[in-house]
Amino acid sequence: MDIVATSGLGKKYPGGTEALRDFSLTVEKGQIFCVLGRNGAGKTTLLRILGTQLGSISSSALVFGHDVSMNPGAIRDKIAVVPQEARLQMVLSG
């Protein structure tokens, strides 16, 4: 079973910045996988798409067999995302 499967994945932000173009990836069950790349390569965009935090993508991305755009709830029940930095000040108020 493929845990993650993308084919021709793309993401363009408003203003024209293209973060991903024609990105394909398959991660199989039991496989250890790491995302490496220089700043601006699209690592965070990819992880936000797979974590169902970012939409408006071209093509499709599947996590545990569920489409990230069509069925994000089924994916969110099975994953956890731990950000590099906790920015509580963004969600808290005085």
N, C-alpha and C. Protein backbone atom coordinates (compact mmCIF):
# COMPACT_ATOMS: atom_id res chain seq x y z
N MET A 1 0.84 -1.19 0.00
CA MET A 1 0.00 0.00 0.00
C MET A 1 0.88 1.25 0.00
N ASP A 2 0.53 2.21 -0.85
CA ASP A 2 1.22 3.50 -0.86
C ASP A 2 0.66 4.38 0.26
N ILE A 3 1.52 4.92 1.08
CA ILE A 3 1.10 5.83 2.14
C ILE A 3 0.91 7.23 1.55
N VAL A 4 1.81 7.62 0.66
CA VAL A 4 1.73 8.91 -0.03
C VAL A 4 1.91 8.66 -1.51
N ALA A 5 1.08 9.28 -2.33
CA ALA A 5 1.22 9.17 -3.78
C ALA A 5 0.81 10.49 -4.42
N THR A 6 1.74 11.07 -5.15
CA THR A 6 1.42 12.27 -5.93
C THR A 6 1.88 12.02 -7.36
N SER A 7 1.23 12.67 -8.28
CA SER A 7 1.61 12.56 -9.68
C SER A 7 1.35 13.89 -10.36
N GLY A 8 2.39 14.54 -10.82
CA GLY A 8 2.24 15.81 -11.51
C GLY A 8 1.72 16.92 -10.61
N LEU A 9 2.00 16.84 -9.32
CA LEU A 9 1.49 17.81 -8.35
C LEU A 9 2.07 19.20 -8.60
N GLY A 10 1.21 20.20 -8.51
CA GLY A 10 1.65 21.59 -8.68
C GLY A 10 0.93 22.53 -7.74
N LYS A 11 1.61 23.59 -7.37
CA LYS A 11 1.01 24.63 -6.53
C LYS A 11 1.57 25.97 -6.95
N LYS A 12 0.65 26.87 -7.29
CA LYS A 12 1.02 28.24 -7.64
C LYS A 12 0.28 29.17 -6.69
N TYR A 13 1.03 30.04 -6.01
CA TYR A 13 0.46 30.98 -5.07
C TYR A 13 -0.06 32.22 -5.80
N PRO A 14 -1.01 32.94 -5.18
CA PRO A 14 -1.45 34.21 -5.77
C PRO A 14 -0.23 35.11 -5.98
N GLY A 15 -0.19 35.78 -7.09
CA GLY A 15 0.97 36.60 -7.42
C GLY A 15 1.92 35.89 -8.37
N GLY A 16 1.69 34.57 -8.59
CA GLY A 16 2.45 33.86 -9.60
C GLY A 16 3.60 33.00 -9.11
N THR A 17 3.93 33.01 -7.82
CA THR A 17 5.02 32.18 -7.33
C THR A 17 4.65 30.71 -7.46
N GLU A 18 5.47 29.97 -8.19
CA GLU A 18 5.23 28.56 -8.40
C GLU A 18 6.10 27.77 -7.42
N ALA A 19 5.46 27.13 -6.42
CA ALA A 19 6.20 26.42 -5.38
C ALA A 19 6.50 24.98 -5.79
N LEU A 20 5.58 24.35 -6.49
CA LEU A 20 5.77 22.98 -6.98
C LEU A 20 5.30 22.91 -8.42
N ARG A 21 6.05 22.15 -9.23
CA ARG A 21 5.65 21.96 -10.63
C ARG A 21 5.93 20.52 -11.02
N ASP A 22 4.88 19.81 -11.42
CA ASP A 22 4.99 18.44 -11.93
C ASP A 22 5.77 17.54 -10.96
N PHE A 23 5.39 17.58 -9.68
CA PHE A 23 6.09 16.82 -8.64
C PHE A 23 5.41 15.47 -8.44
N SER A 24 6.17 14.41 -8.58
CA SER A 24 5.64 13.06 -8.39
C SER A 24 6.44 12.35 -7.30
N LEU A 25 5.72 11.60 -6.47
CA LEU A 25 6.34 10.94 -5.33
C LEU A 25 5.48 9.77 -4.90
N THR A 26 6.12 8.67 -4.52
CA THR A 26 5.43 7.54 -3.93
C THR A 26 6.22 7.10 -2.70
N VAL A 27 5.54 7.01 -1.57
CA VAL A 27 6.14 6.50 -0.34
C VAL A 27 5.33 5.28 0.06
N GLU A 28 6.00 4.15 0.13
CA GLU A 28 5.31 2.90 0.44
C GLU A 28 5.30 2.65 1.95
N LYS A 29 4.35 1.84 2.37
CA LYS A 29 4.23 1.48 3.78
C LYS A 29 5.55 0.86 4.27
N GLY A 30 6.03 1.34 5.41
CA GLY A 30 7.27 0.84 5.99
C GLY A 30 8.53 1.54 5.51
N GLN A 31 8.42 2.36 4.50
CA GLN A 31 9.56 3.08 3.95
C GLN A 31 9.85 4.32 4.79
N ILE A 32 11.12 4.58 5.04
CA ILE A 32 11.53 5.79 5.74
C ILE A 32 11.87 6.82 4.68
N PHE A 33 11.34 8.02 4.86
CA PHE A 33 11.46 9.04 3.82
C PHE A 33 11.83 10.38 4.45
N CYS A 34 12.66 11.14 3.78
CA CYS A 34 13.09 12.45 4.26
C CYS A 34 12.98 13.46 3.12
N VAL A 35 12.57 14.67 3.44
CA VAL A 35 12.47 15.73 2.44
C VAL A 35 13.61 16.72 2.69
N LEU A 36 14.49 16.84 1.73
CA LEU A 36 15.62 17.76 1.83
C LEU A 36 15.63 18.69 0.63
N GLY A 37 16.13 19.90 0.82
CA GLY A 37 16.26 20.84 -0.28
C GLY A 37 16.59 22.22 0.23
N ARG A 38 17.04 23.06 -0.66
CA ARG A 38 17.42 24.42 -0.26
C ARG A 38 16.17 25.27 0.00
N ASN A 39 16.37 26.42 0.56
CA ASN A 39 15.28 27.35 0.83
C ASN A 39 14.53 27.66 -0.46
N GLY A 40 13.21 27.64 -0.38
CA GLY A 40 12.39 27.96 -1.54
C GLY A 40 12.17 26.81 -2.49
N ALA A 41 12.61 25.61 -2.14
CA ALA A 41 12.47 24.46 -3.04
C ALA A 41 11.07 23.86 -3.05
N GLY A 42 10.23 24.19 -2.04
CA GLY A 42 8.87 23.69 -2.00
C GLY A 42 8.63 22.63 -0.93
N LYS A 43 9.59 22.42 -0.04
CA LYS A 43 9.43 21.41 1.01
C LYS A 43 8.23 21.70 1.91
N THR A 44 8.14 22.90 2.42
CA THR A 44 7.04 23.25 3.31
C THR A 44 5.72 23.20 2.57
N THR A 45 5.68 23.66 1.35
CA THR A 45 4.45 23.60 0.55
C THR A 45 4.00 22.16 0.39
N LEU A 46 4.92 21.27 0.06
CA LEU A 46 4.59 19.85 -0.09
C LEU A 46 4.01 19.29 1.20
N LEU A 47 4.66 19.54 2.32
CA LEU A 47 4.19 19.00 3.60
C LEU A 47 2.86 19.61 4.02
N ARG A 48 2.64 20.88 3.72
CA ARG A 48 1.35 21.50 4.03
C ARG A 48 0.23 20.92 3.16
N ILE A 49 0.53 20.60 1.92
CA ILE A 49 -0.46 19.96 1.05
C ILE A 49 -0.79 18.57 1.58
N LEU A 50 0.23 17.78 1.87
CA LEU A 50 0.02 16.41 2.36
C LEU A 50 -0.65 16.39 3.72
N GLY A 51 -0.42 17.43 4.53
CA GLY A 51 -1.04 17.54 5.84
C GLY A 51 -2.41 18.18 5.80
N THR A 52 -2.92 18.43 4.63
CA THR A 52 -4.26 19.00 4.36
C THR A 52 -4.41 20.44 4.87
N GLN A 53 -3.31 21.15 5.03
CA GLN A 53 -3.36 22.54 5.49
C GLN A 53 -3.37 23.53 4.34
N LEU A 54 -3.12 23.06 3.13
CA LEU A 54 -3.00 23.95 1.98
C LEU A 54 -3.72 23.33 0.80
N GLY A 55 -4.62 24.08 0.21
CA GLY A 55 -5.40 23.57 -0.92
C GLY A 55 -5.04 24.24 -2.22
N SER A 56 -5.98 24.25 -3.14
CA SER A 56 -5.82 24.86 -4.46
C SER A 56 -4.60 24.32 -5.18
N ILE A 57 -4.58 23.01 -5.36
CA ILE A 57 -3.46 22.37 -6.03
C ILE A 57 -3.88 21.88 -7.40
N SER A 58 -2.91 21.72 -8.27
CA SER A 58 -3.19 21.08 -9.55
C SER A 58 -2.81 19.60 -9.41
N SER A 59 -3.50 18.75 -10.09
CA SER A 59 -3.34 17.31 -10.00
C SER A 59 -3.87 16.82 -8.65
N SER A 60 -3.37 15.70 -8.17
CA SER A 60 -3.90 15.17 -6.91
C SER A 60 -2.78 14.65 -6.04
N ALA A 61 -3.09 14.55 -4.77
CA ALA A 61 -2.18 13.97 -3.80
C ALA A 61 -3.00 13.05 -2.91
N LEU A 62 -2.52 11.84 -2.72
CA LEU A 62 -3.21 10.87 -1.89
C LEU A 62 -2.37 10.56 -0.66
N VAL A 63 -3.01 10.51 0.50
CA VAL A 63 -2.38 10.10 1.73
C VAL A 63 -3.26 9.00 2.32
N PHE A 64 -2.68 7.83 2.56
CA PHE A 64 -3.45 6.66 3.01
C PHE A 64 -4.61 6.37 2.07
N GLY A 65 -4.44 6.64 0.79
CA GLY A 65 -5.46 6.36 -0.20
C GLY A 65 -6.56 7.39 -0.31
N HIS A 66 -6.50 8.45 0.50
CA HIS A 66 -7.51 9.50 0.48
C HIS A 66 -6.96 10.75 -0.20
N ASP A 67 -7.77 11.36 -1.04
CA ASP A 67 -7.38 12.59 -1.73
C ASP A 67 -7.36 13.75 -0.74
N VAL A 68 -6.25 14.50 -0.70
CA VAL A 68 -6.11 15.59 0.27
C VAL A 68 -7.14 16.69 0.06
N SER A 69 -7.61 16.88 -1.15
CA SER A 69 -8.60 17.92 -1.42
C SER A 69 -10.03 17.45 -1.17
N MET A 70 -10.30 16.20 -1.49
CA MET A 70 -11.66 15.69 -1.43
C MET A 70 -12.05 15.11 -0.06
N ASN A 71 -11.06 14.60 0.69
CA ASN A 71 -11.38 13.92 1.94
C ASN A 71 -10.33 14.20 3.03
N PRO A 72 -10.11 15.48 3.36
CA PRO A 72 -9.06 15.81 4.33
C PRO A 72 -9.33 15.24 5.73
N GLY A 73 -10.58 15.10 6.12
CA GLY A 73 -10.91 14.59 7.45
C GLY A 73 -10.39 13.18 7.69
N ALA A 74 -10.46 12.34 6.67
CA ALA A 74 -9.98 10.96 6.79
C ALA A 74 -8.47 10.91 6.98
N ILE A 75 -7.78 11.90 6.43
CA ILE A 75 -6.32 11.97 6.57
C ILE A 75 -5.94 12.53 7.93
N ARG A 76 -6.61 13.58 8.35
CA ARG A 76 -6.28 14.24 9.62
C ARG A 76 -6.42 13.32 10.82
N ASP A 77 -7.30 12.34 10.72
CA ASP A 77 -7.45 11.37 11.81
C ASP A 77 -6.24 10.45 11.95
N LYS A 78 -5.40 10.39 10.91
CA LYS A 78 -4.30 9.42 10.90
C LYS A 78 -2.90 10.06 10.98
N ILE A 79 -2.82 11.38 10.95
CA ILE A 79 -1.51 12.03 10.92
C ILE A 79 -1.35 13.03 12.06
N ALA A 80 -0.12 13.44 12.25
CA ALA A 80 0.20 14.54 13.17
C ALA A 80 1.27 15.39 12.51
N VAL A 81 1.18 16.68 12.68
CA VAL A 81 2.16 17.60 12.12
C VAL A 81 2.78 18.36 13.28
N VAL A 82 4.10 18.32 13.36
CA VAL A 82 4.82 19.04 14.40
C VAL A 82 5.66 20.11 13.71
N PRO A 83 5.29 21.38 13.87
CA PRO A 83 6.05 22.44 13.21
C PRO A 83 7.42 22.62 13.85
N GLN A 84 8.33 23.19 13.08
CA GLN A 84 9.68 23.45 13.58
C GLN A 84 9.63 24.44 14.73
N GLU A 85 8.79 25.44 14.61
CA GLU A 85 8.67 26.47 15.64
C GLU A 85 7.21 26.58 16.08
N ALA A 86 7.01 26.60 17.38
CA ALA A 86 5.66 26.82 17.91
C ALA A 86 5.45 28.32 18.02
N ARG A 87 4.47 28.84 17.36
CA ARG A 87 4.18 30.27 17.36
C ARG A 87 2.82 30.53 18.01
N LEU A 88 2.77 30.32 19.30
CA LEU A 88 1.51 30.49 20.00
C LEU A 88 0.98 31.91 19.94
N GLN A 89 1.89 32.87 19.78
CA GLN A 89 1.44 34.26 19.73
C GLN A 89 0.53 34.53 18.52
N MET A 90 0.55 33.65 17.54
CA MET A 90 -0.29 33.82 16.36
C MET A 90 -1.74 33.41 16.63
N VAL A 91 -1.98 32.57 17.65
CA VAL A 91 -3.34 32.10 17.92
C VAL A 91 -3.88 32.61 19.25
N LEU A 92 -3.04 33.21 20.05
CA LEU A 92 -3.47 33.73 21.36
C LEU A 92 -3.70 35.24 21.28
N SER A 93 -4.55 35.70 22.16
CA SER A 93 -4.77 37.15 22.23
C SER A 93 -4.60 37.62 23.66
N GLY A 94 -4.44 38.92 23.82
CA GLY A 94 -4.28 39.51 25.15
C GLY A 94 -5.58 39.48 25.84
